[in-house]
N, C-alpha and C. Protein backbone atom coordinates (compact mmCIF):
# COMPACT_ATOMS: atom_id res chain seq x y z
N MET A 1 0.74 -8.46 7.64
CA MET A 1 0.98 -7.57 8.75
C MET A 1 -0.32 -7.29 9.50
N PHE A 2 -1.40 -7.00 8.77
CA PHE A 2 -2.66 -6.68 9.44
C PHE A 2 -3.19 -7.88 10.22
N GLN A 3 -3.03 -9.08 9.68
CA GLN A 3 -3.45 -10.27 10.40
C GLN A 3 -2.66 -10.43 11.69
N GLU A 4 -1.37 -10.20 11.63
CA GLU A 4 -0.52 -10.30 12.83
C GLU A 4 -0.88 -9.22 13.84
N LEU A 5 -1.20 -8.03 13.37
CA LEU A 5 -1.65 -6.97 14.28
C LEU A 5 -2.93 -7.37 14.99
N GLN A 6 -3.87 -7.98 14.26
CA GLN A 6 -5.10 -8.46 14.89
C GLN A 6 -4.82 -9.54 15.93
N ASN A 7 -3.73 -10.29 15.73
CA ASN A 7 -3.35 -11.36 16.67
C ASN A 7 -2.48 -10.86 17.82
N GLY A 8 -2.28 -9.53 17.91
CA GLY A 8 -1.56 -8.98 19.05
C GLY A 8 -0.12 -8.54 18.79
N TRP A 9 0.38 -8.74 17.58
CA TRP A 9 1.75 -8.29 17.29
C TRP A 9 1.81 -6.77 17.37
N VAL A 10 2.88 -6.26 17.95
CA VAL A 10 3.08 -4.82 18.08
C VAL A 10 4.35 -4.46 17.32
N PRO A 11 4.26 -3.52 16.38
CA PRO A 11 5.45 -3.10 15.63
C PRO A 11 6.50 -2.47 16.54
N PRO A 12 7.74 -2.47 16.10
CA PRO A 12 8.80 -1.90 16.93
C PRO A 12 8.72 -0.37 17.00
N ASP A 13 9.29 0.17 18.09
CA ASP A 13 9.37 1.63 18.28
C ASP A 13 10.50 2.24 17.46
N PHE A 14 11.48 1.45 17.14
CA PHE A 14 12.64 1.96 16.42
C PHE A 14 13.16 0.88 15.48
N VAL A 15 13.56 1.28 14.30
CA VAL A 15 14.15 0.38 13.30
C VAL A 15 15.45 1.01 12.82
N SER A 16 16.55 0.36 13.10
CA SER A 16 17.84 0.86 12.63
C SER A 16 18.01 0.55 11.15
N GLU A 17 19.02 1.13 10.55
CA GLU A 17 19.27 0.84 9.14
C GLU A 17 19.61 -0.64 8.96
N GLU A 18 20.30 -1.22 9.93
CA GLU A 18 20.61 -2.66 9.86
C GLU A 18 19.32 -3.49 9.97
N ASP A 19 18.42 -3.10 10.88
CA ASP A 19 17.13 -3.78 11.00
C ASP A 19 16.35 -3.69 9.68
N TYR A 20 16.40 -2.53 9.06
CA TYR A 20 15.73 -2.29 7.78
C TYR A 20 16.25 -3.26 6.72
N LYS A 21 17.57 -3.37 6.63
CA LYS A 21 18.18 -4.29 5.65
C LYS A 21 17.80 -5.73 5.95
N ASN A 22 17.81 -6.11 7.23
CA ASN A 22 17.45 -7.48 7.61
C ASN A 22 15.99 -7.79 7.29
N ALA A 23 15.09 -6.82 7.50
CA ALA A 23 13.68 -7.04 7.17
C ALA A 23 13.51 -7.30 5.68
N ARG A 24 14.28 -6.59 4.89
CA ARG A 24 14.20 -6.76 3.43
C ARG A 24 14.74 -8.13 3.03
N ILE A 25 15.84 -8.54 3.62
CA ILE A 25 16.46 -9.83 3.31
C ILE A 25 15.57 -10.98 3.77
N ASN A 26 14.94 -10.83 4.93
CA ASN A 26 14.15 -11.90 5.54
C ASN A 26 12.66 -11.76 5.29
N MET A 27 12.31 -11.13 4.20
CA MET A 27 10.92 -10.85 3.87
C MET A 27 10.04 -12.12 3.91
N ASP A 28 10.55 -13.23 3.42
CA ASP A 28 9.77 -14.46 3.39
C ASP A 28 9.62 -15.08 4.78
N LYS A 29 10.58 -14.85 5.67
CA LYS A 29 10.54 -15.44 7.01
C LYS A 29 9.61 -14.67 7.94
N GLU A 30 9.59 -13.36 7.82
CA GLU A 30 8.75 -12.52 8.66
C GLU A 30 8.04 -11.47 7.80
N PRO A 31 7.06 -11.91 7.02
CA PRO A 31 6.40 -10.97 6.11
C PRO A 31 5.70 -9.82 6.82
N HIS A 32 5.20 -10.04 8.04
CA HIS A 32 4.54 -8.95 8.77
C HIS A 32 5.53 -7.86 9.14
N VAL A 33 6.74 -8.25 9.52
CA VAL A 33 7.79 -7.27 9.84
C VAL A 33 8.20 -6.53 8.57
N ALA A 34 8.38 -7.28 7.49
CA ALA A 34 8.76 -6.65 6.21
C ALA A 34 7.67 -5.70 5.74
N GLY A 35 6.41 -6.06 5.92
CA GLY A 35 5.32 -5.17 5.53
C GLY A 35 5.37 -3.86 6.27
N PHE A 36 5.58 -3.94 7.57
CA PHE A 36 5.64 -2.72 8.38
C PHE A 36 6.89 -1.90 8.04
N VAL A 37 8.05 -2.53 8.13
CA VAL A 37 9.31 -1.83 7.91
C VAL A 37 9.40 -1.31 6.47
N GLY A 38 8.95 -2.13 5.51
CA GLY A 38 9.06 -1.77 4.11
C GLY A 38 8.31 -0.51 3.75
N PHE A 39 7.23 -0.21 4.45
CA PHE A 39 6.48 1.02 4.18
C PHE A 39 6.77 2.11 5.22
N ALA A 40 6.60 1.79 6.49
CA ALA A 40 6.71 2.81 7.54
C ALA A 40 8.11 3.41 7.66
N CYS A 41 9.12 2.64 7.34
CA CYS A 41 10.50 3.09 7.56
C CYS A 41 11.23 3.38 6.26
N SER A 42 10.49 3.55 5.17
CA SER A 42 11.08 3.81 3.86
C SER A 42 10.84 5.24 3.41
N PHE A 43 11.75 5.73 2.63
CA PHE A 43 11.64 7.07 2.08
C PHE A 43 10.32 7.22 1.33
N ALA A 44 9.57 8.24 1.69
CA ALA A 44 8.27 8.59 1.07
C ALA A 44 7.25 7.45 1.17
N GLY A 45 7.43 6.52 2.12
CA GLY A 45 6.49 5.42 2.27
C GLY A 45 6.47 4.47 1.10
N LYS A 46 7.52 4.49 0.29
CA LYS A 46 7.62 3.64 -0.90
C LYS A 46 8.26 2.32 -0.48
N PHE A 47 7.59 1.23 -0.69
CA PHE A 47 8.00 -0.08 -0.19
C PHE A 47 9.48 -0.35 -0.45
N PHE A 48 10.25 -0.40 0.63
CA PHE A 48 11.70 -0.57 0.59
C PHE A 48 12.35 0.35 -0.44
N GLY A 49 11.88 1.60 -0.42
CA GLY A 49 12.41 2.62 -1.33
C GLY A 49 13.59 3.38 -0.77
N GLY A 50 14.23 2.84 0.27
CA GLY A 50 15.38 3.48 0.90
C GLY A 50 15.04 3.83 2.34
N TYR A 51 15.98 3.61 3.22
CA TYR A 51 15.80 3.85 4.65
C TYR A 51 15.46 5.32 4.89
N ALA A 52 14.35 5.56 5.57
CA ALA A 52 13.88 6.93 5.80
C ALA A 52 14.71 7.63 6.87
N ARG A 53 15.08 8.84 6.58
CA ARG A 53 15.75 9.70 7.55
C ARG A 53 15.48 11.14 7.14
N ASP A 54 15.63 12.04 8.08
CA ASP A 54 15.49 13.45 7.74
C ASP A 54 16.81 14.15 8.06
N SER A 55 16.82 15.47 8.05
CA SER A 55 18.07 16.20 8.23
C SER A 55 18.70 15.95 9.59
N LYS A 56 17.92 15.47 10.56
CA LYS A 56 18.44 15.18 11.90
C LYS A 56 18.82 13.72 12.06
N GLY A 57 18.64 12.94 11.00
CA GLY A 57 18.93 11.51 11.09
C GLY A 57 17.69 10.72 11.38
N CYS A 58 17.82 9.69 12.19
CA CYS A 58 16.69 8.86 12.56
C CYS A 58 16.85 8.48 14.02
N GLY A 59 15.76 8.30 14.72
CA GLY A 59 15.83 7.93 16.13
C GLY A 59 15.25 9.01 17.01
N GLU A 60 15.71 9.03 18.25
CA GLU A 60 15.14 9.95 19.22
C GLU A 60 15.29 11.41 18.80
N SER A 61 16.46 11.78 18.26
CA SER A 61 16.68 13.18 17.90
C SER A 61 16.16 13.53 16.51
N GLY A 62 15.96 12.54 15.70
CA GLY A 62 15.51 12.78 14.33
C GLY A 62 14.10 12.27 14.12
N GLY A 63 13.75 12.05 12.87
CA GLY A 63 12.42 11.56 12.55
C GLY A 63 12.33 10.07 12.78
N ASN A 64 11.73 9.66 13.89
CA ASN A 64 11.59 8.24 14.19
C ASN A 64 10.39 7.70 13.42
N TYR A 65 10.67 7.26 12.20
CA TYR A 65 9.61 6.81 11.30
C TYR A 65 8.93 5.55 11.80
N ALA A 66 9.67 4.67 12.45
CA ALA A 66 9.06 3.46 12.98
C ALA A 66 8.03 3.80 14.05
N LEU A 67 8.38 4.69 14.97
CA LEU A 67 7.45 5.06 16.03
C LEU A 67 6.22 5.77 15.46
N ARG A 68 6.43 6.65 14.50
CA ARG A 68 5.29 7.31 13.85
C ARG A 68 4.39 6.29 13.16
N GLY A 69 5.02 5.35 12.42
CA GLY A 69 4.25 4.32 11.73
C GLY A 69 3.51 3.42 12.69
N LYS A 70 4.18 3.03 13.77
CA LYS A 70 3.55 2.18 14.79
C LYS A 70 2.33 2.88 15.38
N ASN A 71 2.50 4.12 15.82
CA ASN A 71 1.38 4.84 16.42
C ASN A 71 0.22 5.00 15.44
N SER A 72 0.53 5.29 14.20
CA SER A 72 -0.50 5.47 13.18
C SER A 72 -1.26 4.18 12.92
N ILE A 73 -0.55 3.08 12.74
CA ILE A 73 -1.21 1.83 12.39
C ILE A 73 -2.00 1.27 13.58
N LEU A 74 -1.49 1.42 14.80
CA LEU A 74 -2.22 0.93 15.96
C LEU A 74 -3.51 1.73 16.16
N LYS A 75 -3.46 3.02 15.91
CA LYS A 75 -4.67 3.85 16.00
C LYS A 75 -5.71 3.39 14.99
N LYS A 76 -5.27 3.11 13.77
CA LYS A 76 -6.20 2.65 12.73
C LYS A 76 -6.76 1.26 13.04
N MET A 77 -5.94 0.42 13.64
CA MET A 77 -6.38 -0.96 13.93
C MET A 77 -7.54 -0.99 14.91
N SER A 78 -7.67 0.02 15.77
CA SER A 78 -8.78 0.02 16.73
C SER A 78 -10.13 0.04 16.01
N ASP A 79 -10.15 0.56 14.78
CA ASP A 79 -11.39 0.57 13.99
C ASP A 79 -11.52 -0.65 13.08
N LEU A 80 -10.51 -1.50 13.07
CA LEU A 80 -10.49 -2.63 12.13
C LEU A 80 -10.46 -3.98 12.82
N THR A 81 -10.92 -4.05 14.05
CA THR A 81 -10.84 -5.31 14.80
C THR A 81 -11.64 -6.43 14.16
N ASN A 82 -12.73 -6.11 13.47
CA ASN A 82 -13.56 -7.14 12.85
C ASN A 82 -13.34 -7.28 11.35
N ALA A 83 -12.37 -6.54 10.82
CA ALA A 83 -12.08 -6.64 9.38
C ALA A 83 -11.42 -7.98 9.08
N LYS A 84 -11.65 -8.46 7.87
CA LYS A 84 -11.00 -9.69 7.42
C LYS A 84 -9.93 -9.29 6.41
N PHE A 85 -8.68 -9.54 6.74
CA PHE A 85 -7.57 -9.22 5.85
C PHE A 85 -7.13 -10.49 5.14
N THR A 86 -7.09 -10.42 3.84
CA THR A 86 -6.73 -11.56 3.02
C THR A 86 -5.54 -11.19 2.14
N CYS A 87 -4.60 -12.09 2.07
CA CYS A 87 -3.43 -11.86 1.23
C CYS A 87 -3.28 -13.06 0.29
N GLU A 88 -3.82 -12.91 -0.90
CA GLU A 88 -3.67 -13.95 -1.90
C GLU A 88 -4.01 -13.37 -3.27
N ASP A 89 -3.83 -14.13 -4.27
CA ASP A 89 -4.08 -13.70 -5.64
C ASP A 89 -5.55 -13.30 -5.76
N PHE A 90 -5.80 -12.08 -6.21
CA PHE A 90 -7.17 -11.58 -6.32
C PHE A 90 -8.02 -12.49 -7.20
N GLN A 91 -7.43 -13.17 -8.16
CA GLN A 91 -8.18 -14.01 -9.09
C GLN A 91 -8.81 -15.21 -8.38
N ASN A 92 -8.34 -15.53 -7.16
CA ASN A 92 -8.89 -16.65 -6.39
C ASN A 92 -10.03 -16.21 -5.47
N LEU A 93 -10.34 -14.93 -5.46
CA LEU A 93 -11.33 -14.40 -4.53
C LEU A 93 -12.64 -14.11 -5.22
N ASN A 94 -13.73 -14.41 -4.53
CA ASN A 94 -15.06 -14.12 -5.03
C ASN A 94 -15.95 -13.84 -3.83
N TYR A 95 -16.50 -12.64 -3.76
CA TYR A 95 -17.29 -12.24 -2.61
C TYR A 95 -18.72 -11.94 -3.01
N ASN A 96 -19.58 -11.87 -2.00
CA ASN A 96 -20.98 -11.51 -2.21
C ASN A 96 -21.40 -10.61 -1.06
N ASN A 97 -21.95 -9.44 -1.39
CA ASN A 97 -22.44 -8.49 -0.40
C ASN A 97 -21.33 -8.02 0.55
N ALA A 98 -20.21 -7.62 -0.03
CA ALA A 98 -19.07 -7.16 0.77
C ALA A 98 -18.60 -5.79 0.29
N LEU A 99 -17.85 -5.14 1.16
CA LEU A 99 -17.13 -3.93 0.78
C LEU A 99 -15.69 -4.38 0.53
N ILE A 100 -15.21 -4.20 -0.69
CA ILE A 100 -13.87 -4.66 -1.07
C ILE A 100 -13.02 -3.44 -1.38
N TYR A 101 -11.91 -3.32 -0.67
CA TYR A 101 -10.96 -2.25 -0.94
C TYR A 101 -9.73 -2.87 -1.57
N CYS A 102 -9.34 -2.38 -2.73
CA CYS A 102 -8.19 -2.90 -3.45
C CYS A 102 -7.11 -1.82 -3.55
N ASP A 103 -5.91 -2.18 -3.19
CA ASP A 103 -4.77 -1.27 -3.29
C ASP A 103 -3.69 -1.97 -4.09
N PRO A 104 -3.89 -2.07 -5.41
CA PRO A 104 -2.92 -2.80 -6.25
C PRO A 104 -1.64 -1.97 -6.42
N PRO A 105 -0.59 -2.58 -6.90
CA PRO A 105 0.59 -1.77 -7.27
C PRO A 105 0.13 -0.76 -8.32
N TYR A 106 0.41 0.50 -8.07
CA TYR A 106 -0.02 1.53 -9.02
C TYR A 106 0.68 1.32 -10.35
N LYS A 107 -0.10 1.45 -11.40
CA LYS A 107 0.39 1.20 -12.76
C LYS A 107 1.55 2.15 -13.10
N ASP A 108 2.57 1.60 -13.73
CA ASP A 108 3.72 2.36 -14.21
C ASP A 108 4.50 3.05 -13.10
N THR A 109 4.56 2.43 -11.92
CA THR A 109 5.36 2.99 -10.83
C THR A 109 6.36 1.94 -10.34
N THR A 110 6.73 2.03 -9.11
CA THR A 110 7.78 1.28 -8.45
C THR A 110 8.16 -0.04 -9.08
N PRO A 111 9.34 -0.08 -9.70
CA PRO A 111 9.80 -1.34 -10.29
C PRO A 111 10.09 -2.41 -9.26
N TYR A 112 10.28 -2.01 -7.99
CA TYR A 112 10.58 -3.00 -6.95
C TYR A 112 9.44 -4.00 -6.80
N TYR A 113 8.18 -3.54 -6.94
CA TYR A 113 7.06 -4.46 -6.84
C TYR A 113 7.18 -5.56 -7.89
N LYS A 114 7.63 -5.20 -9.06
CA LYS A 114 7.77 -6.18 -10.14
C LYS A 114 8.78 -7.26 -9.77
N LYS A 115 9.84 -6.88 -9.06
CA LYS A 115 10.83 -7.86 -8.61
C LYS A 115 10.21 -8.87 -7.67
N ILE A 116 9.29 -8.41 -6.84
CA ILE A 116 8.66 -9.28 -5.85
C ILE A 116 7.49 -10.05 -6.44
N LEU A 117 6.62 -9.34 -7.13
CA LEU A 117 5.35 -9.91 -7.58
C LEU A 117 5.34 -10.40 -9.02
N GLY A 118 6.33 -9.98 -9.79
CA GLY A 118 6.26 -10.23 -11.22
C GLY A 118 5.39 -9.15 -11.85
N THR A 119 5.07 -9.31 -13.08
CA THR A 119 4.24 -8.32 -13.77
C THR A 119 2.80 -8.44 -13.28
N PHE A 120 2.25 -7.32 -12.83
CA PHE A 120 0.88 -7.33 -12.33
C PHE A 120 -0.08 -7.32 -13.52
N PRO A 121 -1.07 -8.21 -13.53
CA PRO A 121 -2.01 -8.30 -14.66
C PRO A 121 -3.13 -7.26 -14.58
N TYR A 122 -2.81 -6.02 -14.93
CA TYR A 122 -3.79 -4.92 -14.78
C TYR A 122 -5.09 -5.18 -15.53
N ASP A 123 -5.02 -5.64 -16.77
CA ASP A 123 -6.25 -5.85 -17.54
C ASP A 123 -7.14 -6.90 -16.86
N THR A 124 -6.53 -7.97 -16.38
CA THR A 124 -7.28 -9.02 -15.68
C THR A 124 -7.87 -8.46 -14.39
N PHE A 125 -7.09 -7.66 -13.68
CA PHE A 125 -7.55 -7.04 -12.44
C PHE A 125 -8.76 -6.14 -12.69
N ILE A 126 -8.71 -5.33 -13.73
CA ILE A 126 -9.82 -4.43 -14.05
C ILE A 126 -11.09 -5.23 -14.33
N GLU A 127 -10.96 -6.31 -15.09
CA GLU A 127 -12.13 -7.15 -15.37
C GLU A 127 -12.66 -7.80 -14.11
N TRP A 128 -11.75 -8.23 -13.22
CA TRP A 128 -12.16 -8.83 -11.95
C TRP A 128 -12.92 -7.82 -11.11
N THR A 129 -12.46 -6.55 -11.06
CA THR A 129 -13.16 -5.54 -10.27
C THR A 129 -14.56 -5.28 -10.83
N LYS A 130 -14.68 -5.31 -12.15
CA LYS A 130 -16.02 -5.14 -12.76
C LYS A 130 -16.95 -6.26 -12.32
N LYS A 131 -16.46 -7.49 -12.38
CA LYS A 131 -17.28 -8.64 -12.01
C LYS A 131 -17.66 -8.58 -10.52
N GLN A 132 -16.69 -8.27 -9.66
CA GLN A 132 -16.98 -8.19 -8.23
C GLN A 132 -17.96 -7.07 -7.91
N SER A 133 -17.96 -6.02 -8.72
CA SER A 133 -18.85 -4.88 -8.50
C SER A 133 -20.32 -5.22 -8.75
N GLU A 134 -20.59 -6.36 -9.38
CA GLU A 134 -21.97 -6.77 -9.62
C GLU A 134 -22.70 -7.09 -8.32
N ASN A 135 -21.97 -7.64 -7.31
CA ASN A 135 -22.59 -8.06 -6.05
C ASN A 135 -21.94 -7.45 -4.81
N ASN A 136 -21.07 -6.46 -5.02
CA ASN A 136 -20.32 -5.86 -3.92
C ASN A 136 -20.06 -4.40 -4.22
N ILE A 137 -19.62 -3.68 -3.21
CA ILE A 137 -19.08 -2.35 -3.43
C ILE A 137 -17.56 -2.52 -3.48
N VAL A 138 -16.97 -2.10 -4.58
CA VAL A 138 -15.54 -2.26 -4.78
C VAL A 138 -14.91 -0.88 -4.94
N LEU A 139 -13.92 -0.59 -4.10
CA LEU A 139 -13.18 0.67 -4.17
C LEU A 139 -11.72 0.35 -4.47
N ILE A 140 -11.16 1.08 -5.41
CA ILE A 140 -9.79 0.81 -5.86
C ILE A 140 -8.99 2.10 -5.75
N SER A 141 -7.78 2.01 -5.20
CA SER A 141 -6.90 3.18 -5.15
C SER A 141 -5.94 3.12 -6.33
N GLU A 142 -5.61 4.30 -6.85
CA GLU A 142 -4.71 4.39 -8.02
C GLU A 142 -4.42 5.87 -8.26
N TYR A 143 -3.46 6.15 -9.11
CA TYR A 143 -3.26 7.52 -9.56
C TYR A 143 -4.35 7.88 -10.57
N LYS A 144 -4.79 9.13 -10.53
CA LYS A 144 -5.91 9.57 -11.36
C LYS A 144 -5.68 9.30 -12.84
N HIS A 145 -4.46 9.51 -13.31
CA HIS A 145 -4.21 9.35 -14.74
C HIS A 145 -4.28 7.88 -15.20
N ASN A 146 -4.42 6.94 -14.26
CA ASN A 146 -4.52 5.52 -14.62
C ASN A 146 -5.92 4.94 -14.44
N VAL A 147 -6.89 5.75 -14.08
CA VAL A 147 -8.25 5.25 -13.86
C VAL A 147 -8.85 4.85 -15.21
N PRO A 148 -9.42 3.64 -15.30
CA PRO A 148 -9.98 3.18 -16.58
C PRO A 148 -11.22 3.96 -16.99
N ALA A 149 -11.45 4.01 -18.28
CA ALA A 149 -12.63 4.66 -18.83
C ALA A 149 -13.88 4.00 -18.26
N GLY A 150 -14.86 4.82 -17.91
CA GLY A 150 -16.12 4.31 -17.38
C GLY A 150 -16.16 4.20 -15.88
N ALA A 151 -15.02 4.30 -15.21
CA ALA A 151 -14.98 4.23 -13.75
C ALA A 151 -15.40 5.56 -13.16
N LYS A 152 -15.86 5.51 -11.92
CA LYS A 152 -16.30 6.73 -11.22
C LYS A 152 -15.33 7.03 -10.09
N ILE A 153 -14.78 8.23 -10.10
CA ILE A 153 -13.88 8.65 -9.03
C ILE A 153 -14.73 9.15 -7.87
N VAL A 154 -14.49 8.62 -6.66
CA VAL A 154 -15.27 9.03 -5.49
C VAL A 154 -14.47 9.88 -4.51
N LEU A 155 -13.14 9.91 -4.67
CA LEU A 155 -12.30 10.71 -3.79
C LEU A 155 -11.00 11.04 -4.50
N GLU A 156 -10.58 12.29 -4.42
CA GLU A 156 -9.30 12.73 -5.00
C GLU A 156 -8.44 13.32 -3.90
N ILE A 157 -7.18 12.91 -3.86
CA ILE A 157 -6.24 13.41 -2.87
C ILE A 157 -4.95 13.79 -3.59
N PRO A 158 -4.62 15.09 -3.62
CA PRO A 158 -3.34 15.46 -4.24
C PRO A 158 -2.20 14.74 -3.53
N SER A 159 -1.33 14.15 -4.30
CA SER A 159 -0.25 13.34 -3.74
C SER A 159 0.95 14.21 -3.40
N ARG A 160 1.67 13.81 -2.35
CA ARG A 160 2.89 14.52 -1.99
C ARG A 160 4.10 13.96 -2.72
N THR A 161 3.89 12.90 -3.48
CA THR A 161 5.00 12.34 -4.25
C THR A 161 4.86 12.74 -5.70
N SER A 162 5.96 12.69 -6.40
CA SER A 162 5.96 13.04 -7.81
C SER A 162 6.51 11.87 -8.62
N ILE A 163 6.07 11.77 -9.82
CA ILE A 163 6.58 10.77 -10.74
C ILE A 163 7.29 11.53 -11.85
N ARG A 164 8.37 10.96 -12.33
CA ARG A 164 9.08 11.58 -13.44
C ARG A 164 8.85 10.74 -14.69
N ASP A 165 8.66 11.43 -15.81
CA ASP A 165 8.51 10.72 -17.07
C ASP A 165 9.88 10.35 -17.61
N ALA A 166 9.91 9.72 -18.77
CA ALA A 166 11.17 9.25 -19.36
C ALA A 166 12.16 10.38 -19.59
N SER A 167 11.68 11.59 -19.74
CA SER A 167 12.55 12.75 -19.97
C SER A 167 13.02 13.39 -18.66
N GLY A 168 12.54 12.87 -17.54
CA GLY A 168 12.92 13.43 -16.25
C GLY A 168 12.03 14.55 -15.77
N ASN A 169 10.97 14.84 -16.51
CA ASN A 169 10.04 15.90 -16.11
C ASN A 169 9.09 15.39 -15.03
N VAL A 170 8.82 16.22 -14.04
CA VAL A 170 7.94 15.85 -12.94
C VAL A 170 6.48 15.85 -13.42
N ILE A 171 5.78 14.78 -13.11
CA ILE A 171 4.36 14.66 -13.39
C ILE A 171 3.65 14.77 -12.04
N GLU A 172 2.87 15.81 -11.85
CA GLU A 172 2.12 15.96 -10.60
C GLU A 172 1.09 14.84 -10.54
N THR A 173 0.92 14.28 -9.37
CA THR A 173 0.02 13.14 -9.24
C THR A 173 -1.13 13.45 -8.29
N VAL A 174 -2.24 12.78 -8.54
CA VAL A 174 -3.41 12.84 -7.68
C VAL A 174 -3.82 11.40 -7.43
N GLU A 175 -3.85 11.01 -6.15
CA GLU A 175 -4.33 9.67 -5.82
C GLU A 175 -5.85 9.72 -5.72
N VAL A 176 -6.48 8.65 -6.14
CA VAL A 176 -7.94 8.60 -6.13
C VAL A 176 -8.44 7.26 -5.61
N LEU A 177 -9.68 7.27 -5.17
CA LEU A 177 -10.46 6.05 -4.98
C LEU A 177 -11.49 6.05 -6.08
N TRP A 178 -11.57 4.94 -6.79
CA TRP A 178 -12.54 4.86 -7.87
C TRP A 178 -13.34 3.57 -7.74
N THR A 179 -14.45 3.53 -8.46
CA THR A 179 -15.34 2.38 -8.38
C THR A 179 -16.11 2.23 -9.68
N TRP A 180 -16.71 1.09 -9.84
CA TRP A 180 -17.67 0.87 -10.94
C TRP A 180 -19.08 1.07 -10.42
N ASN A 181 -19.25 1.05 -9.09
CA ASN A 181 -20.57 1.11 -8.47
C ASN A 181 -21.16 2.50 -8.50
N GLU A 182 -22.47 2.57 -8.34
CA GLU A 182 -23.16 3.84 -8.12
C GLU A 182 -23.13 4.08 -6.63
N ILE A 183 -22.47 5.14 -6.23
CA ILE A 183 -22.38 5.43 -4.79
C ILE A 183 -22.98 6.80 -4.52
C-alpha cells in the first residue's frame, strides 16, 4: 500500500460493506487496496476484523472510516516521500546504517494474521532484530507484556483496545516501541 501511495495511488473516500468484502476476497489481486481497507475500514483498526460502523452507520451521515483513513494516511505520506517501503520476509533483509521500524503481528493476538501469514517465527524475529541492531537503529512495536527480556522500551502508549484472556477477563494493554539499541 505504501509503495502504491508513493506512486500516486489515492485511497477511496468511501468503502461500502460490499467493497470491504471484495477487498478481502481479492487481497492477492490488489494488495494495496486490501491493506488500506483491511485496516482503515475495520472495527478497531484490526485487519479485516469486521466492517467498521458506528451508531449512525457508515458514510456521509455516520463515521466514514475510509475518508478518515485516507486523510490520515495522505497526511503522513507527505513526510515519507523518500522512505523505502519493503514487503518481504524479514529473514531476507540485511541493512547497514539504517533506521528500521518493525511492526510484526503482535504476539498472541489476531488469529486472522495466522490464516494469511502462517505462524510467525517470533524467536527467529527477535534474534534477527538483535543482529540488525549491531549496525542499525531498530525500533519494534508490540504490546508491553510481550517485550523480550533485555530490551529497552522507548515509548509507551496506553492502548484503546483490550485483549481477553482464556477466561474472558479483560487484559489492559499498553503498546510500546522497544529497541536493543542505546538511544
